[in-house]
Protein backbone atom coordinates (compact mmCIF):
# COMPACT_ATOMS: atom_id res chain seq x y z
CA UNK A 1 134.40 97.65 84.77
CA UNK A 2 132.45 94.47 83.99
CA UNK A 3 128.47 94.62 85.07
CA UNK A 4 127.04 93.14 87.48
CA UNK A 5 123.24 91.71 86.70
CA UNK A 6 121.64 88.73 88.81
CA UNK A 7 118.68 89.43 86.68
CA UNK A 8 117.25 86.24 86.06
CA UNK A 9 113.32 86.87 85.31
CA UNK A 10 112.09 82.93 84.15
CA UNK A 11 114.06 79.55 84.64
CA UNK A 12 111.86 76.23 83.01
CA UNK A 13 112.39 73.16 85.26
CA UNK A 14 112.61 70.70 82.51
CA UNK A 15 112.25 66.87 84.39
CA UNK A 16 114.10 64.02 82.68
CA UNK A 17 112.38 61.15 81.95
CA UNK A 18 113.29 58.46 84.54
CA UNK A 19 113.93 55.91 81.51
CA UNK A 20 116.97 53.23 80.88
CA UNK A 21 117.77 49.87 79.29
CA UNK A 22 116.06 46.69 81.86
CA UNK A 23 118.98 44.41 83.48
CA UNK A 24 118.87 41.17 83.65
CA UNK A 25 120.30 40.75 87.15
CA UNK A 26 120.69 37.61 87.03
CA UNK A 27 122.42 36.77 83.80
CA UNK A 28 124.08 38.66 81.21
CA UNK A 29 121.36 40.60 79.40
CA UNK A 30 119.40 43.55 78.55
CA UNK A 31 116.06 42.88 77.65
CA UNK A 32 113.79 46.28 76.21
CA UNK A 33 113.48 49.33 78.55
CA UNK A 34 112.06 50.33 81.92
CA UNK A 35 110.75 53.19 83.51
CA UNK A 36 110.15 54.80 86.42
CA UNK A 37 109.97 52.58 89.81
CA UNK A 38 111.02 49.74 87.48
CA UNK A 39 114.15 51.57 86.37
CA UNK A 40 114.80 53.51 90.33
CA UNK A 41 114.56 49.71 91.35
CA UNK A 42 117.34 49.10 89.00
CA UNK A 43 119.55 52.02 89.86
CA UNK A 44 118.75 51.43 94.09
CA UNK A 45 120.80 47.62 92.47
CA UNK A 46 123.35 49.37 90.76
CA UNK A 47 124.21 51.74 93.50
CA UNK A 48 123.77 49.24 96.59
CA UNK A 49 126.10 46.97 94.56
CA UNK A 50 128.73 50.09 94.13
CA UNK A 51 131.97 50.63 96.62
CA UNK A 52 132.09 54.07 96.80
CA UNK A 53 135.41 55.56 95.86
CA UNK A 54 136.69 52.94 93.76
CA UNK A 55 135.52 53.77 90.44
CA UNK A 56 136.87 57.02 89.09
CA UNK A 57 134.07 56.25 86.51
CA UNK A 58 131.43 56.91 89.12
CA UNK A 59 130.98 60.67 91.23
CA UNK A 60 132.28 60.47 94.24
CA UNK A 61 128.46 60.65 95.50
CA UNK A 62 127.67 57.61 94.16
CA UNK A 63 127.38 54.07 95.81
CA UNK A 64 127.53 52.88 98.96
CA UNK A 65 130.78 52.59 101.62
CA UNK A 66 131.19 49.28 102.69
CA UNK A 67 135.12 48.39 102.56
CA UNK A 68 135.50 49.13 106.29
CA UNK A 69 132.60 47.19 107.97
CA UNK A 70 134.16 43.67 106.91
CA UNK A 71 134.98 41.73 109.83
CA UNK A 72 133.34 44.04 112.14
CA UNK A 73 130.83 42.80 115.13
CA UNK A 74 127.21 42.33 113.96
CA UNK A 75 125.90 44.57 115.88
CA UNK A 76 127.96 46.87 114.78
CA UNK A 77 127.55 46.03 111.13
CA UNK A 78 123.85 46.44 111.64
CA UNK A 79 123.94 49.65 112.97
CA UNK A 80 125.83 51.37 110.35
CA UNK A 81 124.00 49.34 107.64
CA UNK A 82 121.13 51.35 108.38
CA UNK A 83 123.00 54.66 108.23
CA UNK A 84 124.81 54.32 104.94
CA UNK A 85 122.27 52.59 103.04
CA UNK A 86 120.32 56.11 103.37
CA UNK A 87 122.84 57.85 102.99
CA UNK A 88 123.81 56.31 99.89
CA UNK A 89 119.90 56.36 98.77
CA UNK A 90 119.35 59.77 99.45
CA UNK A 91 122.21 60.85 96.67
CA UNK A 92 118.97 60.39 94.49
CA UNK A 93 116.52 62.79 94.44
CA UNK A 94 113.91 60.60 93.42
CA UNK A 95 114.16 59.10 96.61
CA UNK A 96 112.01 60.93 99.17
CA UNK A 97 112.34 58.32 102.66
CA UNK A 98 114.26 55.08 103.29
CA UNK A 99 112.70 53.08 106.31
CA UNK A 100 111.26 50.48 107.82
CA UNK A 101 115.01 48.55 108.42
CA UNK A 102 114.86 44.82 109.66
CA UNK A 103 117.58 43.11 110.17
CA UNK A 104 117.85 39.10 110.13
CA UNK A 105 120.99 37.81 111.12
CA UNK A 106 121.53 33.76 109.65
CA UNK A 107 124.83 31.96 110.09
CA UNK A 108 127.69 34.35 108.57
CA UNK A 109 124.90 36.71 106.47
CA UNK A 110 123.29 39.93 107.56
CA UNK A 111 119.76 40.76 105.71
CA UNK A 112 118.45 43.83 105.36
CA UNK A 113 114.96 44.71 104.53
CA UNK A 114 113.95 48.10 104.19
CA UNK A 115 111.44 50.31 102.78
CA UNK A 116 112.27 53.03 99.78
CA UNK A 117 109.57 56.00 99.62
CA UNK A 118 110.11 57.00 95.82
CA UNK A 119 108.64 60.08 93.78
CA UNK A 120 107.05 57.05 91.73
CA UNK A 121 105.66 55.26 95.25
CA UNK A 122 106.95 52.87 97.41
CA UNK A 123 109.36 49.44 96.98
CA UNK A 124 110.60 47.12 99.27
CA UNK A 125 113.92 46.36 99.24
CA UNK A 126 117.02 44.26 100.70
CA UNK A 127 120.76 43.60 100.70
CA UNK A 128 122.65 40.78 101.80
CA UNK A 129 125.85 41.61 104.00
CA UNK A 130 128.39 38.54 104.59
CA UNK A 131 129.84 38.48 108.09
CA UNK A 132 133.47 37.86 109.08
CA UNK A 133 134.47 37.80 104.90
């Protein structure tokens, strides 16, 4: 017989610093280190540019579901983008809220601008979506 106890006396919570290599999104270079809000903005960029469930190297909680939105009407896509962006970004525990969505349809593209509230402060982000690709 094995004794069963539940005697956690003290638990130390360790906060890991938010640091990563700085990516140059327009090029193919890594330039130094970025921290806190800048690093989180880079993480947001990566999450919104990674299709969920497609790459086995990522957890199923990482990325955004977009593949099924191709060819759908713009009104439907806009309502779904709001929900899916929020769902994808809230997987990161440093993000507290995703709000203030604004949509702009120009030609065959939807520009989504939104505010991300984080433990480091707020940031405004955007995402472009091509309609009928």
